[in-house]
Amino acid sequence: MMKTIKQCQELTGLPYSAIRNLCVQNKIKYFRSGTKYYIYVESLIQFLSRGEAV
């Protein structure tokens, strides 16, 4: 399943900038279309469950 940063923000409670930074640093899987980031939710969940600092 894929969601925008805004949708992931609502899902996780993380700030928009933190999720965007995870994308920019290639810590989670995503693809970009124009200015929108589409995040693979499974990748975000795996990252958060590893317990790494955001």
PDB file of N, CA and C in Angstrom:
ATOM      1  N   MET A   1       0.836  -1.167   0.000  1.00  0.00           N
ATOM      2  CA  MET A   1       0.000   0.000   0.000  1.00  0.00           C
ATOM      3  C   MET A   1       0.893   1.246   0.000  1.00  0.00           C
ATOM      4  N   MET A   2       0.474   2.250  -0.708  1.00  0.00           N
ATOM      5  CA  MET A   2       1.248   3.488  -0.783  1.00  0.00           C
ATOM      6  C   MET A   2       0.394   4.649  -0.298  1.00  0.00           C
ATOM      7  N   LYS A   3       1.052   5.574   0.386  1.00  0.00           N
ATOM      8  CA  LYS A   3       0.362   6.760   0.895  1.00  0.00           C
ATOM      9  C   LYS A   3       1.262   7.978   0.728  1.00  0.00           C
ATOM     10  N   THR A   4       0.640   9.142   0.721  1.00  0.00           N
ATOM     11  CA  THR A   4       1.397  10.391   0.657  1.00  0.00           C
ATOM     12  C   THR A   4       2.000  10.676   2.031  1.00  0.00           C
ATOM     13  N   ILE A   5       2.876  11.644   2.082  1.00  0.00           N
ATOM     14  CA  ILE A   5       3.483  12.009   3.369  1.00  0.00           C
ATOM     15  C   ILE A   5       2.402  12.469   4.338  1.00  0.00           C
ATOM     16  N   LYS A   6       1.471  13.257   3.863  1.00  0.00           N
ATOM     17  CA  LYS A   6       0.389  13.763   4.719  1.00  0.00           C
ATOM     18  C   LYS A   6      -0.422  12.601   5.311  1.00  0.00           C
ATOM     19  N   GLN A   7      -0.728  11.602   4.506  1.00  0.00           N
ATOM     20  CA  GLN A   7      -1.475  10.446   5.000  1.00  0.00           C
ATOM     21  C   GLN A   7      -0.656   9.659   6.017  1.00  0.00           C
ATOM     22  N   CYS A   8       0.652   9.524   5.778  1.00  0.00           N
ATOM     23  CA  CYS A   8       1.525   8.821   6.732  1.00  0.00           C
ATOM     24  C   CYS A   8       1.638   9.605   8.032  1.00  0.00           C
ATOM     25  N   GLN A   9       1.624  10.910   7.918  1.00  0.00           N
ATOM     26  CA  GLN A   9       1.674  11.764   9.098  1.00  0.00           C
ATOM     27  C   GLN A   9       0.450  11.511   9.971  1.00  0.00           C
ATOM     28  N   GLU A  10      -0.722  11.443   9.364  1.00  0.00           N
ATOM     29  CA  GLU A  10      -1.947  11.177  10.114  1.00  0.00           C
ATOM     30  C   GLU A  10      -1.937   9.768  10.703  1.00  0.00           C
ATOM     31  N   LEU A  11      -1.355   8.820   9.974  1.00  0.00           N
ATOM     32  CA  LEU A  11      -1.311   7.428  10.408  1.00  0.00           C
ATOM     33  C   LEU A  11      -0.369   7.220  11.593  1.00  0.00           C
ATOM     34  N   THR A  12       0.800   7.868  11.557  1.00  0.00           N
ATOM     35  CA  THR A  12       1.825   7.618  12.564  1.00  0.00           C
ATOM     36  C   THR A  12       1.945   8.691  13.638  1.00  0.00           C
ATOM     37  N   GLY A  13       1.524   9.896  13.335  1.00  0.00           N
ATOM     38  CA  GLY A  13       1.696  10.991  14.286  1.00  0.00           C
ATOM     39  C   GLY A  13       3.055  11.661  14.182  1.00  0.00           C
ATOM     40  N   LEU A  14       3.889  11.207  13.241  1.00  0.00           N
ATOM     41  CA  LEU A  14       5.197  11.841  13.033  1.00  0.00           C
ATOM     42  C   LEU A  14       5.021  13.159  12.287  1.00  0.00           C
ATOM     43  N   PRO A  15       5.905  14.117  12.510  1.00  0.00           N
ATOM     44  CA  PRO A  15       5.826  15.377  11.773  1.00  0.00           C
ATOM     45  C   PRO A  15       6.094  15.170  10.275  1.00  0.00           C
ATOM     46  N   TYR A  16       5.493  16.004   9.468  1.00  0.00           N
ATOM     47  CA  TYR A  16       5.652  15.957   8.013  1.00  0.00           C
ATOM     48  C   TYR A  16       7.130  15.997   7.630  1.00  0.00           C
ATOM     49  N   SER A  17       7.867  16.920   8.251  1.00  0.00           N
ATOM     50  CA  SER A  17       9.290  17.092   7.911  1.00  0.00           C
ATOM     51  C   SER A  17      10.114  15.847   8.244  1.00  0.00           C
ATOM     52  N   ALA A  18       9.765  15.144   9.311  1.00  0.00           N
ATOM     53  CA  ALA A  18      10.508  13.939   9.693  1.00  0.00           C
ATOM     54  C   ALA A  18      10.313  12.840   8.646  1.00  0.00           C
ATOM     55  N   ILE A  19       9.080  12.678   8.177  1.00  0.00           N
ATOM     56  CA  ILE A  19       8.814  11.650   7.170  1.00  0.00           C
ATOM     57  C   ILE A  19       9.492  12.006   5.855  1.00  0.00           C
ATOM     58  N   ARG A  20       9.439  13.285   5.481  1.00  0.00           N
ATOM     59  CA  ARG A  20      10.101  13.729   4.254  1.00  0.00           C
ATOM     60  C   ARG A  20      11.608  13.497   4.345  1.00  0.00           C
ATOM     61  N   ASN A  21      12.192  13.768   5.499  1.00  0.00           N
ATOM     62  CA  ASN A  21      13.629  13.557   5.683  1.00  0.00           C
ATOM     63  C   ASN A  21      13.998  12.084   5.553  1.00  0.00           C
ATOM     64  N   LEU A  22      13.139  11.194   6.017  1.00  0.00           N
ATOM     65  CA  LEU A  22      13.395   9.754   5.854  1.00  0.00           C
ATOM     66  C   LEU A  22      13.466   9.397   4.372  1.00  0.00           C
ATOM     67  N   CYS A  23      12.618  10.034   3.577  1.00  0.00           N
ATOM     68  CA  CYS A  23      12.644   9.798   2.128  1.00  0.00           C
ATOM     69  C   CYS A  23      13.938  10.337   1.523  1.00  0.00           C
ATOM     70  N   VAL A  24      14.259  11.571   1.847  1.00  0.00           N
ATOM     71  CA  VAL A  24      15.448  12.219   1.280  1.00  0.00           C
ATOM     72  C   VAL A  24      16.716  11.455   1.648  1.00  0.00           C
ATOM     73  N   GLN A  25      16.758  10.884   2.854  1.00  0.00           N
ATOM     74  CA  GLN A  25      17.929  10.138   3.316  1.00  0.00           C
ATOM     75  C   GLN A  25      17.885   8.672   2.872  1.00  0.00           C
ATOM     76  N   ASN A  26      16.876   8.295   2.080  1.00  0.00           N
ATOM     77  CA  ASN A  26      16.700   6.929   1.572  1.00  0.00           C
ATOM     78  C   ASN A  26      16.625   5.890   2.688  1.00  0.00           C
ATOM     79  N   LYS A  27      15.981   6.242   3.780  1.00  0.00           N
ATOM     80  CA  LYS A  27      15.809   5.289   4.879  1.00  0.00           C
ATOM     81  C   LYS A  27      14.528   4.484   4.724  1.00  0.00           C
ATOM     82  N   ILE A  28      13.587   4.971   3.905  1.00  0.00           N
ATOM     83  CA  ILE A  28      12.358   4.241   3.607  1.00  0.00           C
ATOM     84  C   ILE A  28      12.151   4.249   2.099  1.00  0.00           C
ATOM     85  N   LYS A  29      11.373   3.283   1.624  1.00  0.00           N
ATOM     86  CA  LYS A  29      11.117   3.177   0.187  1.00  0.00           C
ATOM     87  C   LYS A  29       9.986   4.124  -0.208  1.00  0.00           C
ATOM     88  N   TYR A  30      10.184   4.812  -1.312  1.00  0.00           N
ATOM     89  CA  TYR A  30       9.196   5.753  -1.805  1.00  0.00           C
ATOM     90  C   TYR A  30       9.435   5.970  -3.291  1.00  0.00           C
ATOM     91  N   PHE A  31       8.488   6.640  -3.932  1.00  0.00           N
ATOM     92  CA  PHE A  31       8.772   7.163  -5.257  1.00  0.00           C
ATOM     93  C   PHE A  31       8.167   8.542  -5.341  1.00  0.00           C
ATOM     94  N   ARG A  32       8.698   9.314  -6.221  1.00  0.00           N
ATOM     95  CA  ARG A  32       8.313  10.707  -6.326  1.00  0.00           C
ATOM     96  C   ARG A  32       7.702  10.956  -7.692  1.00  0.00           C
ATOM     97  N   SER A  33       6.578  11.647  -7.691  1.00  0.00           N
ATOM     98  CA  SER A  33       5.920  12.033  -8.927  1.00  0.00           C
ATOM     99  C   SER A  33       5.698  13.539  -8.851  1.00  0.00           C
ATOM    100  N   GLY A  34       6.478  14.278  -9.609  1.00  0.00           N
ATOM    101  CA  GLY A  34       6.416  15.738  -9.505  1.00  0.00           C
ATOM    102  C   GLY A  34       6.931  16.163  -8.150  1.00  0.00           C
ATOM    103  N   THR A  35       6.076  16.821  -7.392  1.00  0.00           N
ATOM    104  CA  THR A  35       6.486  17.265  -6.052  1.00  0.00           C
ATOM    105  C   THR A  35       5.959  16.356  -4.950  1.00  0.00           C
ATOM    106  N   LYS A  36       5.170  15.353  -5.302  1.00  0.00           N
ATOM    107  CA  LYS A  36       4.578  14.449  -4.307  1.00  0.00           C
ATOM    108  C   LYS A  36       5.464  13.241  -4.057  1.00  0.00           C
ATOM    109  N   TYR A  37       5.554  12.880  -2.784  1.00  0.00           N
ATOM    110  CA  TYR A  37       6.242  11.667  -2.372  1.00  0.00           C
ATOM    111  C   TYR A  37       5.186  10.624  -2.053  1.00  0.00           C
ATOM    112  N   TYR A  38       5.333   9.435  -2.614  1.00  0.00           N
ATOM    113  CA  TYR A  38       4.445   8.317  -2.318  1.00  0.00           C
ATOM    114  C   TYR A  38       5.266   7.271  -1.588  1.00  0.00           C
ATOM    115  N   ILE A  39       4.858   6.993  -0.369  1.00  0.00           N
ATOM    116  CA  ILE A  39       5.640   6.142   0.524  1.00  0.00           C
ATOM    117  C   ILE A  39       5.021   4.753   0.597  1.00  0.00           C
ATOM    118  N   TYR A  40       5.889   3.739   0.538  1.00  0.00           N
ATOM    119  CA  TYR A  40       5.452   2.367   0.764  1.00  0.00           C
ATOM    120  C   TYR A  40       5.270   2.211   2.269  1.00  0.00           C
ATOM    121  N   VAL A  41       4.033   2.055   2.703  1.00  0.00           N
ATOM    122  CA  VAL A  41       3.707   2.025   4.131  1.00  0.00           C
ATOM    123  C   VAL A  41       4.450   0.894   4.846  1.00  0.00           C
ATOM    124  N   GLU A  42       4.591  -0.245   4.184  1.00  0.00           N
ATOM    125  CA  GLU A  42       5.300  -1.367   4.803  1.00  0.00           C
ATOM    126  C   GLU A  42       6.740  -0.977   5.151  1.00  0.00           C
ATOM    127  N   SER A  43       7.364  -0.215   4.281  1.00  0.00           N
ATOM    128  CA  SER A  43       8.731   0.232   4.515  1.00  0.00           C
ATOM    129  C   SER A  43       8.799   1.164   5.720  1.00  0.00           C
ATOM    130  N   LEU A  44       7.829   2.052   5.838  1.00  0.00           N
ATOM    131  CA  LEU A  44       7.781   2.977   6.980  1.00  0.00           C
ATOM    132  C   LEU A  44       7.555   2.202   8.274  1.00  0.00           C
ATOM    133  N   ILE A  45       6.662   1.234   8.244  1.00  0.00           N
ATOM    134  CA  ILE A  45       6.383   0.426   9.437  1.00  0.00           C
ATOM    135  C   ILE A  45       7.623  -0.362   9.856  1.00  0.00           C
ATOM    136  N   GLN A  46       8.334  -0.942   8.879  1.00  0.00           N
ATOM    137  CA  GLN A  46       9.558  -1.684   9.189  1.00  0.00           C
ATOM    138  C   GLN A  46      10.609  -0.760   9.797  1.00  0.00           C
ATOM    139  N   PHE A  47      10.737   0.440   9.250  1.00  0.00           N
ATOM    140  CA  PHE A  47      11.710   1.392   9.789  1.00  0.00           C
ATOM    141  C   PHE A  47      11.369   1.733  11.234  1.00  0.00           C
ATOM    142  N   LEU A  48      10.106   2.022  11.497  1.00  0.00           N
ATOM    143  CA  LEU A  48       9.702   2.405  12.853  1.00  0.00           C
ATOM    144  C   LEU A  48       9.846   1.243  13.840  1.00  0.00           C
ATOM    145  N   SER A  49       9.609   0.018  13.385  1.00  0.00           N
ATOM    146  CA  SER A  49       9.718  -1.123  14.282  1.00  0.00           C
ATOM    147  C   SER A  49      11.165  -1.483  14.612  1.00  0.00           C
ATOM    148  N   ARG A  50      12.119  -1.052  13.765  1.00  0.00           N
ATOM    149  CA  ARG A  50      13.536  -1.281  14.056  1.00  0.00           C
ATOM    150  C   ARG A  50      14.006  -0.393  15.205  1.00  0.00           C
ATOM    151  N   GLY A  51      13.288   0.689  15.477  1.00  0.00           N
ATOM    152  CA  GLY A  51      13.615   1.541  16.612  1.00  0.00           C
ATOM    153  C   GLY A  51      14.703   2.551  16.340  1.00  0.00           C
ATOM    154  N   GLU A  52      14.990   2.825  15.078  1.00  0.00           N
ATOM    155  CA  GLU A  52      15.996   3.823  14.752  1.00  0.00           C
ATOM    156  C   GLU A  52      15.458   5.210  15.049  1.00  0.00           C
ATOM    157  N   ALA A  53      16.337   6.143  15.341  1.00  0.00           N
ATOM    158  CA  ALA A  53      15.931   7.519  15.607  1.00  0.00           C
ATOM    159  C   ALA A  53      15.489   8.194  14.321  1.00  0.00           C
ATOM    160  N   VAL A  54      14.424   8.964  14.412  1.00  0.00           N
ATOM    161  CA  VAL A  54      13.912   9.691  13.247  1.00  0.00           C
ATOM    162  C   VAL A  54      14.647  10.938  13.144  1.00  0.00           C
TER     163      VAL A  54
END
